[in-house]
């Protein structure tokens, strides 16, 4: 039996959209927690990569069909 994943499997865009929205929400909560617990000069370097990830996820959401 072949254990390889078929590259032609289609993922329902609705499920992908929901997963991306959940990930964006988690990142937004993480950013809010960092900003609440750290001084601004300490928070900025921690928030920057998370904000960048949110931007990439939002781009992916924009490419998905509604």
C-alpha atoms as a PDB file:
ATOM      1  CA  UNK A   1       0.000   0.000   0.000  1.00  0.00           C
ATOM      2  CA  UNK A   2       1.366   3.414  -0.989  1.00  0.00           C
ATOM      3  CA  UNK A   3       1.576   5.842   1.935  1.00  0.00           C
ATOM      4  CA  UNK A   4       2.210   8.875  -0.309  1.00  0.00           C
ATOM      5  CA  UNK A   5      -0.366  11.650  -0.235  1.00  0.00           C
ATOM      6  CA  UNK A   6      -2.151  12.250  -3.521  1.00  0.00           C
ATOM      7  CA  UNK A   7      -1.235  15.791  -4.682  1.00  0.00           C
ATOM      8  CA  UNK A   8      -4.559  16.029  -6.508  1.00  0.00           C
ATOM      9  CA  UNK A   9      -6.605  15.964  -3.298  1.00  0.00           C
ATOM     10  CA  UNK A  10      -8.757  19.082  -3.176  1.00  0.00           C
ATOM     11  CA  UNK A  11      -9.214  20.941   0.112  1.00  0.00           C
ATOM     12  CA  UNK A  12     -12.500  22.713   0.605  1.00  0.00           C
ATOM     13  CA  UNK A  13     -11.705  26.478   0.509  1.00  0.00           C
ATOM     14  CA  UNK A  14     -14.191  27.078   3.317  1.00  0.00           C
ATOM     15  CA  UNK A  15     -12.176  24.844   5.675  1.00  0.00           C
ATOM     16  CA  UNK A  16      -8.949  26.549   4.636  1.00  0.00           C
ATOM     17  CA  UNK A  17     -10.521  29.991   5.201  1.00  0.00           C
ATOM     18  CA  UNK A  18     -11.690  28.997   8.684  1.00  0.00           C
ATOM     19  CA  UNK A  19      -8.247  27.623   9.563  1.00  0.00           C
ATOM     20  CA  UNK A  20      -6.577  30.825   8.396  1.00  0.00           C
ATOM     21  CA  UNK A  21      -9.038  32.984  10.345  1.00  0.00           C
ATOM     22  CA  UNK A  22      -8.398  30.950  13.487  1.00  0.00           C
ATOM     23  CA  UNK A  23      -4.653  31.382  13.032  1.00  0.00           C
ATOM     24  CA  UNK A  24      -5.053  35.151  12.540  1.00  0.00           C
ATOM     25  CA  UNK A  25      -7.130  35.315  15.720  1.00  0.00           C
ATOM     26  CA  UNK A  26      -4.504  33.433  17.714  1.00  0.00           C
ATOM     27  CA  UNK A  27      -1.778  35.750  16.466  1.00  0.00           C
ATOM     28  CA  UNK A  28      -3.850  38.836  17.299  1.00  0.00           C
ATOM     29  CA  UNK A  29      -4.369  37.526  20.835  1.00  0.00           C
ATOM     30  CA  UNK A  30      -0.646  36.846  21.172  1.00  0.00           C
ATOM     31  CA  UNK A  31       0.142  40.399  20.046  1.00  0.00           C
ATOM     32  CA  UNK A  32      -2.383  41.837  22.501  1.00  0.00           C
ATOM     33  CA  UNK A  33      -0.862  39.779  25.333  1.00  0.00           C
ATOM     34  CA  UNK A  34       2.664  40.879  24.464  1.00  0.00           C
ATOM     35  CA  UNK A  35       1.642  44.543  24.360  1.00  0.00           C
ATOM     36  CA  UNK A  36      -0.185  44.223  27.671  1.00  0.00           C
ATOM     37  CA  UNK A  37       2.729  42.527  29.455  1.00  0.00           C
ATOM     38  CA  UNK A  38       5.781  44.256  27.972  1.00  0.00           C
ATOM     39  CA  UNK A  39       7.011  47.808  27.646  1.00  0.00           C
ATOM     40  CA  UNK A  40       6.726  49.234  24.127  1.00  0.00           C
ATOM     41  CA  UNK A  41      10.474  48.982  23.453  1.00  0.00           C
ATOM     42  CA  UNK A  42      10.431  45.306  24.500  1.00  0.00           C
ATOM     43  CA  UNK A  43       7.183  44.467  22.699  1.00  0.00           C
ATOM     44  CA  UNK A  44       8.024  45.816  19.243  1.00  0.00           C
ATOM     45  CA  UNK A  45      10.687  43.214  18.349  1.00  0.00           C
ATOM     46  CA  UNK A  46       8.363  40.448  19.547  1.00  0.00           C
ATOM     47  CA  UNK A  47       5.301  41.787  17.726  1.00  0.00           C
ATOM     48  CA  UNK A  48       6.978  42.469  14.361  1.00  0.00           C
ATOM     49  CA  UNK A  49       7.259  38.830  13.199  1.00  0.00           C
ATOM     50  CA  UNK A  50       3.718  38.082  14.375  1.00  0.00           C
ATOM     51  CA  UNK A  51       2.352  41.099  12.501  1.00  0.00           C
ATOM     52  CA  UNK A  52       4.247  39.984   9.411  1.00  0.00           C
ATOM     53  CA  UNK A  53       2.682  36.538   9.699  1.00  0.00           C
ATOM     54  CA  UNK A  54      -0.782  38.110   9.997  1.00  0.00           C
ATOM     55  CA  UNK A  55      -0.129  40.091   6.811  1.00  0.00           C
ATOM     56  CA  UNK A  56       0.837  36.901   4.931  1.00  0.00           C
ATOM     57  CA  UNK A  57      -2.244  35.089   6.224  1.00  0.00           C
ATOM     58  CA  UNK A  58      -4.459  37.998   5.177  1.00  0.00           C
ATOM     59  CA  UNK A  59      -2.928  37.842   1.689  1.00  0.00           C
ATOM     60  CA  UNK A  60      -3.724  34.123   1.556  1.00  0.00           C
ATOM     61  CA  UNK A  61      -7.275  34.825   2.703  1.00  0.00           C
ATOM     62  CA  UNK A  62      -7.626  37.362  -0.104  1.00  0.00           C
ATOM     63  CA  UNK A  63      -6.594  34.750  -2.672  1.00  0.00           C
ATOM     64  CA  UNK A  64      -9.189  32.217  -1.506  1.00  0.00           C
ATOM     65  CA  UNK A  65     -12.576  32.184  -3.116  1.00  0.00           C
ATOM     66  CA  UNK A  66     -15.400  33.226  -0.804  1.00  0.00           C
END
